[in-house]
């Protein structure tokens, strides 16, 4: 069994835990961005677990379809939707409707798309392992979702710094932006250069950095008001 499966396994566990924590926040606070982010993080965790299973025991068509649908199409788009909600509530509603329609359309598209069994023999299958119509979606969801996620987190970090919100919040939002950039950048590098084995590592590092950023922001939010004033 290839030890490489431990990398997406770790990413999957972190993603699921991260998603559960954000969903719990949504149930307590009822913020739309928390619902979108929580859903997206659970998708990420499930996709990474599909990836771990594929690397550990050899990919099946069903495992790759699950990985591609949840991680390759839907995850980043829903993360971007959450980021849009933070800054533009009405635009967030529009993005959520669009992503809901994309989700409904992507499921049958992935189910009927042809699979190249030869490419599934690799630990991390190369681009082309699944065909159209599934391949129509990632260009849209991943590019726009990454822009919204990375840009939104970077903007939040900048605003927090300008407002003197304290080191926890500034560092936390900066780490969320950095983690998203690492995951997206590694994926793009792998696709352009054909070095697909780096994708699981980039995904794992990215989600862990984002999770550390989330913990930092929450630590700031949990501080008593008096201690916040002292810290700033």
C-alpha atoms as a PDB file:
ATOM      1  CA  UNK A   1       0.000   0.000   0.000  1.00  0.00           C
ATOM      2  CA  UNK A   2       1.580   3.363  -1.035  1.00  0.00           C
ATOM      3  CA  UNK A   3       2.382   5.565   1.965  1.00  0.00           C
ATOM      4  CA  UNK A   4       1.350   8.552  -0.160  1.00  0.00           C
ATOM      5  CA  UNK A   5      -2.289   7.871   0.737  1.00  0.00           C
ATOM      6  CA  UNK A   6      -1.586   9.289   4.220  1.00  0.00           C
ATOM      7  CA  UNK A   7      -1.329  12.804   2.745  1.00  0.00           C
ATOM      8  CA  UNK A   8      -4.897  13.007   1.373  1.00  0.00           C
ATOM      9  CA  UNK A   9      -6.099  11.036   4.394  1.00  0.00           C
ATOM     10  CA  UNK A  10      -4.775  13.780   6.678  1.00  0.00           C
ATOM     11  CA  UNK A  11      -6.302  16.424   4.416  1.00  0.00           C
ATOM     12  CA  UNK A  12      -9.636  14.621   4.509  1.00  0.00           C
ATOM     13  CA  UNK A  13      -9.702  14.375   8.298  1.00  0.00           C
ATOM     14  CA  UNK A  14      -8.814  18.059   8.678  1.00  0.00           C
ATOM     15  CA  UNK A  15     -11.400  19.023   6.058  1.00  0.00           C
ATOM     16  CA  UNK A  16     -14.189  17.062   7.746  1.00  0.00           C
ATOM     17  CA  UNK A  17     -13.340  18.416  11.216  1.00  0.00           C
ATOM     18  CA  UNK A  18     -13.068  21.934   9.796  1.00  0.00           C
ATOM     19  CA  UNK A  19     -16.431  21.555   8.060  1.00  0.00           C
ATOM     20  CA  UNK A  20     -18.172  20.241  11.173  1.00  0.00           C
ATOM     21  CA  UNK A  21     -16.906  23.175  13.226  1.00  0.00           C
ATOM     22  CA  UNK A  22     -18.126  25.699  10.652  1.00  0.00           C
ATOM     23  CA  UNK A  23     -21.517  23.974  10.316  1.00  0.00           C
ATOM     24  CA  UNK A  24     -21.818  24.102  14.100  1.00  0.00           C
ATOM     25  CA  UNK A  25     -21.149  27.829  13.920  1.00  0.00           C
ATOM     26  CA  UNK A  26     -23.898  28.178  11.336  1.00  0.00           C
ATOM     27  CA  UNK A  27     -26.377  26.373  13.578  1.00  0.00           C
ATOM     28  CA  UNK A  28     -25.508  28.805  16.381  1.00  0.00           C
ATOM     29  CA  UNK A  29     -25.181  32.074  14.446  1.00  0.00           C
ATOM     30  CA  UNK A  30     -27.167  31.487  11.228  1.00  0.00           C
ATOM     31  CA  UNK A  31     -24.717  33.323   8.964  1.00  0.00           C
ATOM     32  CA  UNK A  32     -25.124  32.303   5.289  1.00  0.00           C
ATOM     33  CA  UNK A  33     -21.380  32.256   4.633  1.00  0.00           C
ATOM     34  CA  UNK A  34     -20.947  29.666   7.373  1.00  0.00           C
ATOM     35  CA  UNK A  35     -23.454  27.375   5.665  1.00  0.00           C
ATOM     36  CA  UNK A  36     -21.660  27.701   2.315  1.00  0.00           C
ATOM     37  CA  UNK A  37     -18.201  27.261   3.824  1.00  0.00           C
ATOM     38  CA  UNK A  38     -19.237  24.376   6.048  1.00  0.00           C
ATOM     39  CA  UNK A  39     -20.804  22.551   3.107  1.00  0.00           C
ATOM     40  CA  UNK A  40     -17.738  23.227   0.935  1.00  0.00           C
ATOM     41  CA  UNK A  41     -15.295  22.009   3.583  1.00  0.00           C
ATOM     42  CA  UNK A  42     -17.250  18.782   4.039  1.00  0.00           C
ATOM     43  CA  UNK A  43     -17.104  18.326   0.268  1.00  0.00           C
ATOM     44  CA  UNK A  44     -13.343  18.887   0.399  1.00  0.00           C
ATOM     45  CA  UNK A  45     -12.945  16.357   3.197  1.00  0.00           C
ATOM     46  CA  UNK A  46     -14.989  13.738   1.362  1.00  0.00           C
ATOM     47  CA  UNK A  47     -13.067  14.337  -1.882  1.00  0.00           C
ATOM     48  CA  UNK A  48      -9.737  13.936  -0.082  1.00  0.00           C
ATOM     49  CA  UNK A  49     -10.939  10.678   1.473  1.00  0.00           C
ATOM     50  CA  UNK A  50     -11.924   9.420  -1.992  1.00  0.00           C
ATOM     51  CA  UNK A  51      -8.413  10.361  -3.088  1.00  0.00           C
ATOM     52  CA  UNK A  52      -6.835   8.520  -0.159  1.00  0.00           C
ATOM     53  CA  UNK A  53      -8.839   5.395  -0.985  1.00  0.00           C
ATOM     54  CA  UNK A  54      -7.871   5.627  -4.656  1.00  0.00           C
ATOM     55  CA  UNK A  55      -4.170   5.987  -3.909  1.00  0.00           C
ATOM     56  CA  UNK A  56      -4.188   3.277  -1.249  1.00  0.00           C
ATOM     57  CA  UNK A  57      -6.046   0.570  -3.121  1.00  0.00           C
ATOM     58  CA  UNK A  58      -6.056   1.629  -6.750  1.00  0.00           C
ATOM     59  CA  UNK A  59      -8.624   3.922  -8.306  1.00  0.00           C
ATOM     60  CA  UNK A  60     -12.044   2.682  -9.321  1.00  0.00           C
ATOM     61  CA  UNK A  61     -14.281   4.654 -11.654  1.00  0.00           C
ATOM     62  CA  UNK A  62     -16.707   5.343  -8.788  1.00  0.00           C
ATOM     63  CA  UNK A  63     -13.954   6.692  -6.518  1.00  0.00           C
ATOM     64  CA  UNK A  64     -12.621   8.978  -9.206  1.00  0.00           C
ATOM     65  CA  UNK A  65     -16.095  10.275 -10.066  1.00  0.00           C
ATOM     66  CA  UNK A  66     -16.672  11.079  -6.390  1.00  0.00           C
ATOM     67  CA  UNK A  67     -13.289  12.780  -6.078  1.00  0.00           C
ATOM     68  CA  UNK A  68     -13.787  14.777  -9.273  1.00  0.00           C
ATOM     69  CA  UNK A  69     -17.344  15.880  -8.478  1.00  0.00           C
ATOM     70  CA  UNK A  70     -16.762  16.927  -4.870  1.00  0.00           C
ATOM     71  CA  UNK A  71     -13.197  18.212  -5.122  1.00  0.00           C
ATOM     72  CA  UNK A  72     -12.693  19.070  -8.763  1.00  0.00           C
ATOM     73  CA  UNK A  73     -16.004  20.819  -9.434  1.00  0.00           C
ATOM     74  CA  UNK A  74     -18.013  21.789  -6.355  1.00  0.00           C
ATOM     75  CA  UNK A  75     -15.678  22.468  -3.438  1.00  0.00           C
ATOM     76  CA  UNK A  76     -13.969  25.680  -4.582  1.00  0.00           C
ATOM     77  CA  UNK A  77     -17.159  27.141  -6.028  1.00  0.00           C
ATOM     78  CA  UNK A  78     -18.986  26.810  -2.712  1.00  0.00           C
ATOM     79  CA  UNK A  79     -16.002  28.205  -0.795  1.00  0.00           C
ATOM     80  CA  UNK A  80     -16.055  31.211  -3.114  1.00  0.00           C
ATOM     81  CA  UNK A  81     -19.784  31.589  -2.536  1.00  0.00           C
ATOM     82  CA  UNK A  82     -19.155  31.807   1.203  1.00  0.00           C
ATOM     83  CA  UNK A  83     -16.554  34.504   0.645  1.00  0.00           C
ATOM     84  CA  UNK A  84     -18.949  36.511  -1.523  1.00  0.00           C
ATOM     85  CA  UNK A  85     -21.575  36.293   1.233  1.00  0.00           C
ATOM     86  CA  UNK A  86     -19.192  37.922   3.721  1.00  0.00           C
ATOM     87  CA  UNK A  87     -18.754  41.054   1.632  1.00  0.00           C
ATOM     88  CA  UNK A  88     -21.890  41.219  -0.552  1.00  0.00           C
ATOM     89  CA  UNK A  89     -24.947  39.508   0.862  1.00  0.00           C
ATOM     90  CA  UNK A  90     -27.185  39.925  -2.198  1.00  0.00           C
ATOM     91  CA  UNK A  91     -24.434  38.815  -4.541  1.00  0.00           C
ATOM     92  CA  UNK A  92     -23.950  35.859  -2.219  1.00  0.00           C
ATOM     93  CA  UNK A  93     -27.585  34.851  -2.749  1.00  0.00           C
ATOM     94  CA  UNK A  94     -27.032  34.987  -6.514  1.00  0.00           C
ATOM     95  CA  UNK A  95     -23.824  32.946  -6.229  1.00  0.00           C
ATOM     96  CA  UNK A  96     -25.592  30.371  -4.043  1.00  0.00           C
ATOM     97  CA  UNK A  97     -28.387  29.948  -6.605  1.00  0.00           C
ATOM     98  CA  UNK A  98     -25.827  29.608  -9.410  1.00  0.00           C
ATOM     99  CA  UNK A  99     -23.827  27.029  -7.460  1.00  0.00           C
ATOM    100  CA  UNK A 100     -26.992  25.110  -6.587  1.00  0.00           C
ATOM    101  CA  UNK A 101     -27.819  24.893 -10.302  1.00  0.00           C
ATOM    102  CA  UNK A 102     -24.213  23.932 -11.101  1.00  0.00           C
ATOM    103  CA  UNK A 103     -24.373  21.215  -8.444  1.00  0.00           C
ATOM    104  CA  UNK A 104     -27.587  19.771  -9.878  1.00  0.00           C
ATOM    105  CA  UNK A 105     -26.139  19.834 -13.390  1.00  0.00           C
ATOM    106  CA  UNK A 106     -22.713  18.472 -12.419  1.00  0.00           C
ATOM    107  CA  UNK A 107     -23.988  15.319 -10.737  1.00  0.00           C
ATOM    108  CA  UNK A 108     -25.454  13.683 -13.873  1.00  0.00           C
ATOM    109  CA  UNK A 109     -22.612  15.115 -15.987  1.00  0.00           C
ATOM    110  CA  UNK A 110     -20.028  13.298 -13.857  1.00  0.00           C
ATOM    111  CA  UNK A 111     -22.074  10.116 -13.763  1.00  0.00           C
ATOM    112  CA  UNK A 112     -22.300   9.841 -17.554  1.00  0.00           C
ATOM    113  CA  UNK A 113     -18.791  11.124 -18.394  1.00  0.00           C
ATOM    114  CA  UNK A 114     -16.389   8.504 -19.790  1.00  0.00           C
ATOM    115  CA  UNK A 115     -13.457   7.345 -17.653  1.00  0.00           C
ATOM    116  CA  UNK A 116     -10.014   6.512 -19.058  1.00  0.00           C
ATOM    117  CA  UNK A 117      -9.080   3.322 -17.197  1.00  0.00           C
ATOM    118  CA  UNK A 118      -5.434   3.591 -18.260  1.00  0.00           C
ATOM    119  CA  UNK A 119      -5.016   6.959 -16.537  1.00  0.00           C
ATOM    120  CA  UNK A 120      -6.631   5.604 -13.371  1.00  0.00           C
ATOM    121  CA  UNK A 121      -3.642   3.274 -13.008  1.00  0.00           C
ATOM    122  CA  UNK A 122      -1.544   6.210 -11.733  1.00  0.00           C
ATOM    123  CA  UNK A 123      -1.515   7.107  -8.039  1.00  0.00           C
ATOM    124  CA  UNK A 124      -2.821  10.549  -8.978  1.00  0.00           C
ATOM    125  CA  UNK A 125      -4.625  10.341 -12.332  1.00  0.00           C
ATOM    126  CA  UNK A 126      -3.650  12.907 -14.948  1.00  0.00           C
ATOM    127  CA  UNK A 127      -5.946  15.405 -16.597  1.00  0.00           C
ATOM    128  CA  UNK A 128      -8.126  13.555 -19.057  1.00  0.00           C
ATOM    129  CA  UNK A 129      -9.006  10.684 -16.729  1.00  0.00           C
ATOM    130  CA  UNK A 130     -12.614  11.847 -17.028  1.00  0.00           C
ATOM    131  CA  UNK A 131     -14.138  13.363 -20.135  1.00  0.00           C
ATOM    132  CA  UNK A 132     -16.907  15.699 -21.194  1.00  0.00           C
ATOM    133  CA  UNK A 133     -19.440  16.806 -20.074  1.00  0.00           C
ATOM    134  CA  UNK A 134     -17.843  16.715 -16.605  1.00  0.00           C
ATOM    135  CA  UNK A 135     -14.853  18.738 -17.750  1.00  0.00           C
ATOM    136  CA  UNK A 136     -16.978  21.776 -18.641  1.00  0.00           C
ATOM    137  CA  UNK A 137     -17.506  22.784 -14.998  1.00  0.00           C
ATOM    138  CA  UNK A 138     -14.093  23.186 -13.273  1.00  0.00           C
ATOM    139  CA  UNK A 139     -12.932  26.063 -15.475  1.00  0.00           C
ATOM    140  CA  UNK A 140     -15.891  28.080 -14.246  1.00  0.00           C
ATOM    141  CA  UNK A 141     -16.189  26.976 -10.623  1.00  0.00           C
ATOM    142  CA  UNK A 142     -12.488  26.766  -9.758  1.00  0.00           C
ATOM    143  CA  UNK A 143     -11.330  29.986 -11.396  1.00  0.00           C
ATOM    144  CA  UNK A 144     -14.134  32.216 -10.115  1.00  0.00           C
ATOM    145  CA  UNK A 145     -14.307  30.432  -6.763  1.00  0.00           C
ATOM    146  CA  UNK A 146     -10.556  30.816  -6.193  1.00  0.00           C
ATOM    147  CA  UNK A 147     -10.682  34.512  -7.040  1.00  0.00           C
ATOM    148  CA  UNK A 148     -13.535  35.056  -4.593  1.00  0.00           C
ATOM    149  CA  UNK A 149     -11.970  32.959  -1.822  1.00  0.00           C
ATOM    150  CA  UNK A 150      -8.390  34.198  -2.037  1.00  0.00           C
ATOM    151  CA  UNK A 151      -9.361  37.775  -2.814  1.00  0.00           C
ATOM    152  CA  UNK A 152     -11.988  37.896  -0.083  1.00  0.00           C
ATOM    153  CA  UNK A 153      -9.659  36.487   2.570  1.00  0.00           C
ATOM    154  CA  UNK A 154      -6.828  38.809   1.534  1.00  0.00           C
ATOM    155  CA  UNK A 155      -9.171  41.807   1.639  1.00  0.00           C
ATOM    156  CA  UNK A 156     -10.438  40.780   5.088  1.00  0.00           C
ATOM    157  CA  UNK A 157      -6.844  40.535   6.333  1.00  0.00           C
ATOM    158  CA  UNK A 158      -6.103  44.006   4.952  1.00  0.00           C
ATOM    159  CA  UNK A 159      -9.215  45.520   6.539  1.00  0.00           C
ATOM    160  CA  UNK A 160      -8.441  43.830   9.865  1.00  0.00           C
ATOM    161  CA  UNK A 161      -4.924  45.255   9.790  1.00  0.00           C
ATOM    162  CA  UNK A 162      -6.126  48.761   8.882  1.00  0.00           C
ATOM    163  CA  UNK A 163      -8.709  48.698  11.663  1.00  0.00           C
ATOM    164  CA  UNK A 164      -6.216  47.439  14.246  1.00  0.00           C
ATOM    165  CA  UNK A 165      -8.269  44.328  14.902  1.00  0.00           C
ATOM    166  CA  UNK A 166      -5.386  42.556  16.619  1.00  0.00           C
ATOM    167  CA  UNK A 167      -2.772  40.033  15.619  1.00  0.00           C
ATOM    168  CA  UNK A 168      -5.054  36.997  15.895  1.00  0.00           C
ATOM    169  CA  UNK A 169      -7.565  38.219  13.341  1.00  0.00           C
ATOM    170  CA  UNK A 170      -5.004  39.685  10.945  1.00  0.00           C
ATOM    171  CA  UNK A 171      -2.835  36.563  11.040  1.00  0.00           C
ATOM    172  CA  UNK A 172      -5.832  34.242  10.856  1.00  0.00           C
ATOM    173  CA  UNK A 173      -7.395  35.840   7.791  1.00  0.00           C
ATOM    174  CA  UNK A 174      -3.969  36.086   6.134  1.00  0.00           C
ATOM    175  CA  UNK A 175      -3.423  32.361   6.729  1.00  0.00           C
ATOM    176  CA  UNK A 176      -6.827  31.529   5.243  1.00  0.00           C
ATOM    177  CA  UNK A 177      -5.872  33.470   2.120  1.00  0.00           C
ATOM    178  CA  UNK A 178      -2.429  31.847   2.021  1.00  0.00           C
ATOM    179  CA  UNK A 179      -3.826  28.333   2.455  1.00  0.00           C
ATOM    180  CA  UNK A 180      -6.341  28.845  -0.334  1.00  0.00           C
ATOM    181  CA  UNK A 181      -3.573  30.195  -2.564  1.00  0.00           C
ATOM    182  CA  UNK A 182      -1.335  27.192  -1.853  1.00  0.00           C
ATOM    183  CA  UNK A 183      -4.089  24.705  -2.703  1.00  0.00           C
ATOM    184  CA  UNK A 184      -5.170  26.528  -5.856  1.00  0.00           C
ATOM    185  CA  UNK A 185      -1.627  27.344  -6.969  1.00  0.00           C
ATOM    186  CA  UNK A 186      -0.377  23.792  -6.509  1.00  0.00           C
ATOM    187  CA  UNK A 187      -3.313  22.436  -8.487  1.00  0.00           C
ATOM    188  CA  UNK A 188      -2.672  24.889 -11.324  1.00  0.00           C
ATOM    189  CA  UNK A 189       1.048  24.055 -11.316  1.00  0.00           C
ATOM    190  CA  UNK A 190       0.288  20.339 -11.447  1.00  0.00           C
ATOM    191  CA  UNK A 191      -2.102  20.774 -14.369  1.00  0.00           C
ATOM    192  CA  UNK A 192       0.229  23.022 -16.365  1.00  0.00           C
ATOM    193  CA  UNK A 193       3.426  21.065 -15.710  1.00  0.00           C
ATOM    194  CA  UNK A 194       1.882  17.626 -15.621  1.00  0.00           C
ATOM    195  CA  UNK A 195       3.319  16.919 -12.157  1.00  0.00           C
ATOM    196  CA  UNK A 196       0.108  15.541 -10.729  1.00  0.00           C
ATOM    197  CA  UNK A 197       1.707  13.908  -7.683  1.00  0.00           C
ATOM    198  CA  UNK A 198       2.098  17.320  -6.014  1.00  0.00           C
ATOM    199  CA  UNK A 199      -1.674  17.876  -5.915  1.00  0.00           C
ATOM    200  CA  UNK A 200      -2.368  15.874  -2.729  1.00  0.00           C
ATOM    201  CA  UNK A 201       0.475  17.626  -0.909  1.00  0.00           C
ATOM    202  CA  UNK A 202      -0.747  21.068  -1.972  1.00  0.00           C
ATOM    203  CA  UNK A 203      -4.294  20.212  -0.910  1.00  0.00           C
ATOM    204  CA  UNK A 204      -3.115  18.963   2.488  1.00  0.00           C
ATOM    205  CA  UNK A 205      -0.858  21.947   3.189  1.00  0.00           C
ATOM    206  CA  UNK A 206      -3.547  24.352   1.984  1.00  0.00           C
ATOM    207  CA  UNK A 207      -6.366  22.997   4.145  1.00  0.00           C
ATOM    208  CA  UNK A 208      -4.128  22.740   7.216  1.00  0.00           C
ATOM    209  CA  UNK A 209      -2.970  26.360   6.826  1.00  0.00           C
ATOM    210  CA  UNK A 210      -6.590  27.483   6.349  1.00  0.00           C
ATOM    211  CA  UNK A 211      -7.622  25.559   9.449  1.00  0.00           C
ATOM    212  CA  UNK A 212      -4.851  27.162  11.516  1.00  0.00           C
ATOM    213  CA  UNK A 213      -6.064  30.541  10.265  1.00  0.00           C
ATOM    214  CA  UNK A 214      -9.621  29.692  11.270  1.00  0.00           C
ATOM    215  CA  UNK A 215      -8.483  28.674  14.758  1.00  0.00           C
ATOM    216  CA  UNK A 216      -6.558  31.947  15.081  1.00  0.00           C
ATOM    217  CA  UNK A 217      -9.612  34.010  14.096  1.00  0.00           C
ATOM    218  CA  UNK A 218     -11.825  32.079  16.495  1.00  0.00           C
ATOM    219  CA  UNK A 219      -9.297  32.511  19.298  1.00  0.00           C
ATOM    220  CA  UNK A 220      -9.513  36.242  18.721  1.00  0.00           C
ATOM    221  CA  UNK A 221     -13.317  36.134  18.717  1.00  0.00           C
ATOM    222  CA  UNK A 222     -13.352  34.156  21.978  1.00  0.00           C
ATOM    223  CA  UNK A 223     -11.256  36.686  23.884  1.00  0.00           C
ATOM    224  CA  UNK A 224     -13.117  38.765  26.503  1.00  0.00           C
ATOM    225  CA  UNK A 225     -13.763  42.342  25.442  1.00  0.00           C
ATOM    226  CA  UNK A 226     -11.337  43.754  28.003  1.00  0.00           C
ATOM    227  CA  UNK A 227      -8.488  41.532  26.875  1.00  0.00           C
ATOM    228  CA  UNK A 228      -9.142  42.477  23.233  1.00  0.00           C
ATOM    229  CA  UNK A 229      -8.695  46.135  24.062  1.00  0.00           C
ATOM    230  CA  UNK A 230      -5.485  45.353  25.869  1.00  0.00           C
ATOM    231  CA  UNK A 231      -4.210  43.291  22.923  1.00  0.00           C
ATOM    232  CA  UNK A 232      -4.892  46.044  20.420  1.00  0.00           C
END
